[in-house]
């Protein structure tokens, strides 16, 4: 039987701490939350590797979905700096791992997922761990969750090619949005704030993540 507790410690010590993640709250949360609970049983052995792990296979209509690398998530959360009074929106919640980690750091977490199967898995996994400050909702990822806005932190849990301004419009006055913004094979972890209703961001670190549904740029036609 796999020793997941040892694997979790090795992930934090060998991946997270060595990549400039120093926030004790982030480290403690990642040591506590069992990542294997949020990975399909057939792939549980991959849960703590330094890689994106498939949590939903591709279909005829949908691309595969992934649990992003632990270090990418850790660095985004550290950059966002959620506190115990903060309300957080996780966009692209998947099976709920990022929401579970954030539930240890923030006062309230809303986890948005559009895929029906992942939505149900997230609700089940979070309930099994007893995370009462997390609410899982279903809807289009790129729309955010305006009905419950504003948020102090928005985490887009996956790659994006663009950040819609309507998401920054759901931030509180001092809110922060973090995401991995990709351009082909290259990407950057970025921190955004709302400036006059539009997203203004700065690069934080090199990173990449599979692009979430609804966050691809429209194709450009060249004449």
C-alpha atoms as a PDB file:
ATOM      1  CA  UNK A   1       0.000   0.000   0.000  1.00  0.00           C
ATOM      2  CA  UNK A   2       1.296   3.461  -0.902  1.00  0.00           C
ATOM      3  CA  UNK A   3       2.479   5.635   1.978  1.00  0.00           C
ATOM      4  CA  UNK A   4       0.644   8.809   0.998  1.00  0.00           C
ATOM      5  CA  UNK A   5       1.656  10.681   4.155  1.00  0.00           C
ATOM      6  CA  UNK A   6       5.337  10.181   3.292  1.00  0.00           C
ATOM      7  CA  UNK A   7       4.663  11.160  -0.334  1.00  0.00           C
ATOM      8  CA  UNK A   8       2.891  14.314   0.827  1.00  0.00           C
ATOM      9  CA  UNK A   9       5.825  15.293   3.017  1.00  0.00           C
ATOM     10  CA  UNK A  10       8.245  14.620   0.166  1.00  0.00           C
ATOM     11  CA  UNK A  11       6.127  16.772  -2.168  1.00  0.00           C
ATOM     12  CA  UNK A  12       6.202  19.693   0.232  1.00  0.00           C
ATOM     13  CA  UNK A  13       9.890  19.351   1.105  1.00  0.00           C
ATOM     14  CA  UNK A  14      11.159  18.528  -2.383  1.00  0.00           C
ATOM     15  CA  UNK A  15       8.866  20.584  -4.621  1.00  0.00           C
ATOM     16  CA  UNK A  16       7.108  23.311  -2.668  1.00  0.00           C
ATOM     17  CA  UNK A  17       9.714  24.517  -0.160  1.00  0.00           C
ATOM     18  CA  UNK A  18      12.472  24.471  -2.797  1.00  0.00           C
ATOM     19  CA  UNK A  19      10.497  26.770  -5.111  1.00  0.00           C
ATOM     20  CA  UNK A  20      10.387  29.915  -2.949  1.00  0.00           C
ATOM     21  CA  UNK A  21       7.201  28.950  -1.112  1.00  0.00           C
ATOM     22  CA  UNK A  22       7.851  30.136   2.432  1.00  0.00           C
ATOM     23  CA  UNK A  23       4.368  31.002   3.709  1.00  0.00           C
ATOM     24  CA  UNK A  24       3.825  28.737   6.756  1.00  0.00           C
ATOM     25  CA  UNK A  25       0.064  28.654   6.189  1.00  0.00           C
ATOM     26  CA  UNK A  26       0.413  27.409   2.623  1.00  0.00           C
ATOM     27  CA  UNK A  27       2.964  24.793   3.666  1.00  0.00           C
ATOM     28  CA  UNK A  28       0.827  23.613   6.579  1.00  0.00           C
ATOM     29  CA  UNK A  29      -2.295  23.355   4.397  1.00  0.00           C
ATOM     30  CA  UNK A  30      -0.507  21.323   1.745  1.00  0.00           C
ATOM     31  CA  UNK A  31       0.878  19.007   4.418  1.00  0.00           C
ATOM     32  CA  UNK A  32      -2.607  18.483   5.831  1.00  0.00           C
ATOM     33  CA  UNK A  33      -4.802  18.035   2.743  1.00  0.00           C
ATOM     34  CA  UNK A  34      -4.569  14.507   1.232  1.00  0.00           C
ATOM     35  CA  UNK A  35      -4.092  15.185  -2.474  1.00  0.00           C
ATOM     36  CA  UNK A  36      -4.747  11.546  -3.344  1.00  0.00           C
ATOM     37  CA  UNK A  37      -8.414  12.004  -2.367  1.00  0.00           C
ATOM     38  CA  UNK A  38      -8.803  14.391  -5.306  1.00  0.00           C
ATOM     39  CA  UNK A  39      -7.276  12.103  -7.939  1.00  0.00           C
ATOM     40  CA  UNK A  40      -9.049   9.137  -9.608  1.00  0.00           C
ATOM     41  CA  UNK A  41      -8.178   5.928  -7.740  1.00  0.00           C
ATOM     42  CA  UNK A  42      -6.429   4.494 -10.785  1.00  0.00           C
ATOM     43  CA  UNK A  43      -4.069   7.488 -10.767  1.00  0.00           C
ATOM     44  CA  UNK A  44      -3.638   7.906  -7.013  1.00  0.00           C
ATOM     45  CA  UNK A  45       0.023   6.891  -7.254  1.00  0.00           C
ATOM     46  CA  UNK A  46       0.601  10.010  -9.392  1.00  0.00           C
ATOM     47  CA  UNK A  47      -0.953  12.427  -6.909  1.00  0.00           C
ATOM     48  CA  UNK A  48       2.288  13.781  -5.456  1.00  0.00           C
ATOM     49  CA  UNK A  49       4.452  13.872  -8.564  1.00  0.00           C
ATOM     50  CA  UNK A  50       5.718  17.150 -10.034  1.00  0.00           C
ATOM     51  CA  UNK A  51       3.294  17.006 -12.935  1.00  0.00           C
ATOM     52  CA  UNK A  52      -0.252  17.832 -14.000  1.00  0.00           C
ATOM     53  CA  UNK A  53      -2.473  14.817 -13.284  1.00  0.00           C
ATOM     54  CA  UNK A  54      -5.495  13.938 -15.406  1.00  0.00           C
ATOM     55  CA  UNK A  55      -8.715  14.061 -13.383  1.00  0.00           C
ATOM     56  CA  UNK A  56     -11.134  13.823 -16.345  1.00  0.00           C
ATOM     57  CA  UNK A  57     -10.276  12.132 -19.616  1.00  0.00           C
ATOM     58  CA  UNK A  58     -10.907  13.828 -22.936  1.00  0.00           C
ATOM     59  CA  UNK A  59     -14.201  13.079 -24.693  1.00  0.00           C
ATOM     60  CA  UNK A  60     -15.568  13.760 -28.157  1.00  0.00           C
ATOM     61  CA  UNK A  61     -16.729  17.181 -26.968  1.00  0.00           C
ATOM     62  CA  UNK A  62     -14.437  18.100 -24.073  1.00  0.00           C
ATOM     63  CA  UNK A  63     -10.706  18.318 -23.527  1.00  0.00           C
ATOM     64  CA  UNK A  64      -9.086  16.474 -20.645  1.00  0.00           C
ATOM     65  CA  UNK A  65      -8.989  18.223 -17.279  1.00  0.00           C
ATOM     66  CA  UNK A  66      -6.053  18.245 -14.905  1.00  0.00           C
ATOM     67  CA  UNK A  67      -4.974  18.771 -11.340  1.00  0.00           C
ATOM     68  CA  UNK A  68      -2.174  21.302 -11.783  1.00  0.00           C
ATOM     69  CA  UNK A  69       1.321  20.760 -10.399  1.00  0.00           C
ATOM     70  CA  UNK A  70       1.526  21.197  -6.623  1.00  0.00           C
ATOM     71  CA  UNK A  71       4.208  23.874  -6.817  1.00  0.00           C
ATOM     72  CA  UNK A  72       2.241  25.974  -9.307  1.00  0.00           C
ATOM     73  CA  UNK A  73      -0.794  25.971  -7.033  1.00  0.00           C
ATOM     74  CA  UNK A  74       1.318  26.724  -3.965  1.00  0.00           C
ATOM     75  CA  UNK A  75       3.009  29.711  -5.590  1.00  0.00           C
ATOM     76  CA  UNK A  76      -0.276  31.148  -6.852  1.00  0.00           C
ATOM     77  CA  UNK A  77      -1.887  30.855  -3.430  1.00  0.00           C
ATOM     78  CA  UNK A  78       1.141  32.408  -1.739  1.00  0.00           C
ATOM     79  CA  UNK A  79       1.027  35.329  -4.190  1.00  0.00           C
ATOM     80  CA  UNK A  80      -2.688  35.878  -3.539  1.00  0.00           C
ATOM     81  CA  UNK A  81      -2.115  35.939   0.219  1.00  0.00           C
ATOM     82  CA  UNK A  82      -5.566  34.791   1.415  1.00  0.00           C
ATOM     83  CA  UNK A  83      -6.353  35.596   5.030  1.00  0.00           C
ATOM     84  CA  UNK A  84      -8.847  34.259   7.586  1.00  0.00           C
ATOM     85  CA  UNK A  85     -11.397  36.980   6.836  1.00  0.00           C
ATOM     86  CA  UNK A  86     -11.188  36.643   3.051  1.00  0.00           C
ATOM     87  CA  UNK A  87     -13.803  35.312   0.659  1.00  0.00           C
ATOM     88  CA  UNK A  88     -12.222  33.261  -2.134  1.00  0.00           C
ATOM     89  CA  UNK A  89     -13.546  32.097  -5.501  1.00  0.00           C
ATOM     90  CA  UNK A  90     -11.852  29.105  -7.135  1.00  0.00           C
ATOM     91  CA  UNK A  91     -12.583  28.974 -10.871  1.00  0.00           C
ATOM     92  CA  UNK A  92     -12.105  25.555 -12.446  1.00  0.00           C
ATOM     93  CA  UNK A  93     -12.349  23.766  -9.126  1.00  0.00           C
ATOM     94  CA  UNK A  94     -12.046  20.322 -10.717  1.00  0.00           C
ATOM     95  CA  UNK A  95     -12.235  17.711  -7.971  1.00  0.00           C
ATOM     96  CA  UNK A  96     -11.796  20.347  -5.266  1.00  0.00           C
ATOM     97  CA  UNK A  97      -8.153  20.126  -4.191  1.00  0.00           C
ATOM     98  CA  UNK A  98      -7.321  23.838  -4.462  1.00  0.00           C
ATOM     99  CA  UNK A  99     -10.543  24.692  -2.629  1.00  0.00           C
ATOM    100  CA  UNK A 100      -9.582  22.283   0.158  1.00  0.00           C
ATOM    101  CA  UNK A 101      -6.141  23.884   0.542  1.00  0.00           C
ATOM    102  CA  UNK A 102      -7.657  27.371   0.540  1.00  0.00           C
ATOM    103  CA  UNK A 103     -10.247  26.339   3.117  1.00  0.00           C
ATOM    104  CA  UNK A 104      -7.377  26.158   5.639  1.00  0.00           C
ATOM    105  CA  UNK A 105      -6.351  29.732   4.856  1.00  0.00           C
ATOM    106  CA  UNK A 106      -9.505  31.727   4.083  1.00  0.00           C
ATOM    107  CA  UNK A 107     -12.781  32.358   5.845  1.00  0.00           C
ATOM    108  CA  UNK A 108     -15.037  31.251   2.987  1.00  0.00           C
ATOM    109  CA  UNK A 109     -14.354  29.473  -0.300  1.00  0.00           C
ATOM    110  CA  UNK A 110     -16.688  29.178  -3.280  1.00  0.00           C
ATOM    111  CA  UNK A 111     -15.587  26.519  -5.750  1.00  0.00           C
ATOM    112  CA  UNK A 112     -16.924  26.901  -9.303  1.00  0.00           C
ATOM    113  CA  UNK A 113     -16.952  23.963 -11.708  1.00  0.00           C
ATOM    114  CA  UNK A 114     -18.882  23.441 -14.947  1.00  0.00           C
ATOM    115  CA  UNK A 115     -18.171  19.750 -15.616  1.00  0.00           C
ATOM    116  CA  UNK A 116     -21.004  17.730 -14.043  1.00  0.00           C
ATOM    117  CA  UNK A 117     -18.836  14.756 -13.061  1.00  0.00           C
ATOM    118  CA  UNK A 118     -16.087  16.916 -11.541  1.00  0.00           C
ATOM    119  CA  UNK A 119     -18.696  19.022  -9.751  1.00  0.00           C
ATOM    120  CA  UNK A 120     -20.087  15.908  -8.071  1.00  0.00           C
ATOM    121  CA  UNK A 121     -16.617  14.586  -7.245  1.00  0.00           C
ATOM    122  CA  UNK A 122     -15.617  17.899  -5.668  1.00  0.00           C
ATOM    123  CA  UNK A 123     -18.710  17.972  -3.469  1.00  0.00           C
ATOM    124  CA  UNK A 124     -18.095  14.391  -2.342  1.00  0.00           C
ATOM    125  CA  UNK A 125     -14.365  14.804  -1.673  1.00  0.00           C
ATOM    126  CA  UNK A 126     -14.761  18.059   0.247  1.00  0.00           C
ATOM    127  CA  UNK A 127     -17.625  16.643   2.306  1.00  0.00           C
ATOM    128  CA  UNK A 128     -15.534  13.579   3.176  1.00  0.00           C
ATOM    129  CA  UNK A 129     -12.835  15.842   4.613  1.00  0.00           C
ATOM    130  CA  UNK A 130     -15.299  18.010   6.505  1.00  0.00           C
ATOM    131  CA  UNK A 131     -14.613  21.392   4.894  1.00  0.00           C
ATOM    132  CA  UNK A 132     -17.744  23.318   5.987  1.00  0.00           C
ATOM    133  CA  UNK A 133     -16.472  26.686   4.750  1.00  0.00           C
ATOM    134  CA  UNK A 134     -16.437  25.513   1.103  1.00  0.00           C
ATOM    135  CA  UNK A 135     -19.465  25.757  -1.185  1.00  0.00           C
ATOM    136  CA  UNK A 136     -19.278  23.992  -4.558  1.00  0.00           C
ATOM    137  CA  UNK A 137     -21.370  25.531  -7.332  1.00  0.00           C
ATOM    138  CA  UNK A 138     -21.845  24.682 -11.000  1.00  0.00           C
ATOM    139  CA  UNK A 139     -21.699  27.051 -13.953  1.00  0.00           C
ATOM    140  CA  UNK A 140     -19.593  28.319 -16.884  1.00  0.00           C
ATOM    141  CA  UNK A 141     -16.061  28.946 -15.654  1.00  0.00           C
ATOM    142  CA  UNK A 142     -15.379  32.108 -17.652  1.00  0.00           C
ATOM    143  CA  UNK A 143     -18.448  33.823 -16.145  1.00  0.00           C
ATOM    144  CA  UNK A 144     -17.192  33.505 -12.590  1.00  0.00           C
ATOM    145  CA  UNK A 145     -19.837  33.665  -9.861  1.00  0.00           C
ATOM    146  CA  UNK A 146     -21.173  37.234  -9.887  1.00  0.00           C
ATOM    147  CA  UNK A 147     -24.146  36.434  -7.659  1.00  0.00           C
ATOM    148  CA  UNK A 148     -21.828  35.937  -4.675  1.00  0.00           C
ATOM    149  CA  UNK A 149     -19.315  38.689  -5.514  1.00  0.00           C
ATOM    150  CA  UNK A 150     -17.243  40.538  -4.441  1.00  0.00           C
ATOM    151  CA  UNK A 151     -14.293  38.298  -3.622  1.00  0.00           C
ATOM    152  CA  UNK A 152     -11.048  39.151  -1.894  1.00  0.00           C
ATOM    153  CA  UNK A 153      -9.208  36.471  -3.888  1.00  0.00           C
ATOM    154  CA  UNK A 154      -9.990  34.740  -7.177  1.00  0.00           C
ATOM    155  CA  UNK A 155      -7.849  31.736  -8.075  1.00  0.00           C
ATOM    156  CA  UNK A 156      -8.143  30.373 -11.609  1.00  0.00           C
ATOM    157  CA  UNK A 157      -7.114  26.774 -11.067  1.00  0.00           C
ATOM    158  CA  UNK A 158      -5.628  26.070 -14.485  1.00  0.00           C
ATOM    159  CA  UNK A 159      -4.185  27.807 -17.499  1.00  0.00           C
ATOM    160  CA  UNK A 160      -5.772  30.720 -19.339  1.00  0.00           C
ATOM    161  CA  UNK A 161      -4.882  32.500 -22.541  1.00  0.00           C
ATOM    162  CA  UNK A 162      -6.893  35.529 -21.463  1.00  0.00           C
ATOM    163  CA  UNK A 163      -8.481  36.831 -18.252  1.00  0.00           C
ATOM    164  CA  UNK A 164     -11.935  38.312 -18.940  1.00  0.00           C
ATOM    165  CA  UNK A 165     -12.461  41.754 -17.424  1.00  0.00           C
ATOM    166  CA  UNK A 166     -15.767  40.537 -15.966  1.00  0.00           C
ATOM    167  CA  UNK A 167     -13.772  38.425 -13.523  1.00  0.00           C
ATOM    168  CA  UNK A 168     -11.797  41.405 -12.254  1.00  0.00           C
ATOM    169  CA  UNK A 169     -15.151  43.132 -11.876  1.00  0.00           C
ATOM    170  CA  UNK A 170     -16.008  40.515  -9.253  1.00  0.00           C
ATOM    171  CA  UNK A 171     -13.080  41.491  -7.023  1.00  0.00           C
ATOM    172  CA  UNK A 172     -13.409  43.577  -3.875  1.00  0.00           C
ATOM    173  CA  UNK A 173     -11.667  46.959  -3.674  1.00  0.00           C
ATOM    174  CA  UNK A 174      -8.354  45.363  -2.663  1.00  0.00           C
ATOM    175  CA  UNK A 175      -8.979  41.977  -4.271  1.00  0.00           C
ATOM    176  CA  UNK A 176      -6.395  39.839  -6.057  1.00  0.00           C
ATOM    177  CA  UNK A 177      -6.744  37.403  -8.940  1.00  0.00           C
ATOM    178  CA  UNK A 178      -4.058  34.818  -9.691  1.00  0.00           C
ATOM    179  CA  UNK A 179      -3.710  32.596 -12.735  1.00  0.00           C
ATOM    180  CA  UNK A 180      -1.258  30.927 -15.078  1.00  0.00           C
ATOM    181  CA  UNK A 181      -1.396  32.867 -18.348  1.00  0.00           C
ATOM    182  CA  UNK A 182      -0.145  30.788 -21.252  1.00  0.00           C
ATOM    183  CA  UNK A 183       1.085  31.644 -24.716  1.00  0.00           C
ATOM    184  CA  UNK A 184       1.854  28.488 -26.668  1.00  0.00           C
ATOM    185  CA  UNK A 185       4.376  26.395 -24.744  1.00  0.00           C
ATOM    186  CA  UNK A 186       5.271  29.343 -22.481  1.00  0.00           C
ATOM    187  CA  UNK A 187       3.423  30.626 -19.458  1.00  0.00           C
ATOM    188  CA  UNK A 188       3.672  32.890 -16.434  1.00  0.00           C
ATOM    189  CA  UNK A 189       2.060  32.855 -13.040  1.00  0.00           C
ATOM    190  CA  UNK A 190       0.500  36.318 -12.770  1.00  0.00           C
ATOM    191  CA  UNK A 191      -1.137  38.469 -10.113  1.00  0.00           C
ATOM    192  CA  UNK A 192      -3.976  40.767 -11.205  1.00  0.00           C
ATOM    193  CA  UNK A 193      -5.910  43.588  -9.599  1.00  0.00           C
ATOM    194  CA  UNK A 194      -8.868  45.563 -10.913  1.00  0.00           C
ATOM    195  CA  UNK A 195      -7.998  49.033 -12.175  1.00  0.00           C
ATOM    196  CA  UNK A 196     -11.015  51.026 -13.370  1.00  0.00           C
ATOM    197  CA  UNK A 197     -12.888  47.809 -14.046  1.00  0.00           C
ATOM    198  CA  UNK A 198     -10.128  46.186 -16.081  1.00  0.00           C
ATOM    199  CA  UNK A 199      -7.486  43.622 -15.173  1.00  0.00           C
ATOM    200  CA  UNK A 200      -3.983  44.905 -14.578  1.00  0.00           C
ATOM    201  CA  UNK A 201      -1.425  42.175 -13.924  1.00  0.00           C
ATOM    202  CA  UNK A 202       2.227  41.538 -13.308  1.00  0.00           C
ATOM    203  CA  UNK A 203       4.339  38.466 -13.920  1.00  0.00           C
ATOM    204  CA  UNK A 204       5.501  36.456 -10.927  1.00  0.00           C
ATOM    205  CA  UNK A 205       7.181  33.258 -12.111  1.00  0.00           C
ATOM    206  CA  UNK A 206       7.548  30.893 -15.060  1.00  0.00           C
ATOM    207  CA  UNK A 207       4.799  28.281 -15.138  1.00  0.00           C
ATOM    208  CA  UNK A 208       2.446  26.420 -17.407  1.00  0.00           C
ATOM    209  CA  UNK A 209      -0.875  24.656 -17.005  1.00  0.00           C
ATOM    210  CA  UNK A 210      -3.474  23.151 -19.351  1.00  0.00           C
ATOM    211  CA  UNK A 211      -5.935  25.809 -20.488  1.00  0.00           C
ATOM    212  CA  UNK A 212      -9.373  25.653 -18.881  1.00  0.00           C
ATOM    213  CA  UNK A 213     -12.607  25.649 -20.911  1.00  0.00           C
ATOM    214  CA  UNK A 214     -13.692  29.155 -21.878  1.00  0.00           C
ATOM    215  CA  UNK A 215     -10.296  30.770 -21.474  1.00  0.00           C
ATOM    216  CA  UNK A 216      -8.802  30.331 -24.946  1.00  0.00           C
ATOM    217  CA  UNK A 217      -8.270  33.322 -27.210  1.00  0.00           C
ATOM    218  CA  UNK A 218     -10.502  33.527 -30.260  1.00  0.00           C
ATOM    219  CA  UNK A 219      -8.694  32.373 -33.407  1.00  0.00           C
ATOM    220  CA  UNK A 220      -7.163  35.188 -35.449  1.00  0.00           C
ATOM    221  CA  UNK A 221      -7.575  35.220 -39.197  1.00  0.00           C
ATOM    222  CA  UNK A 222      -4.672  36.318 -41.343  1.00  0.00           C
ATOM    223  CA  UNK A 223      -5.413  37.639 -44.821  1.00  0.00           C
END
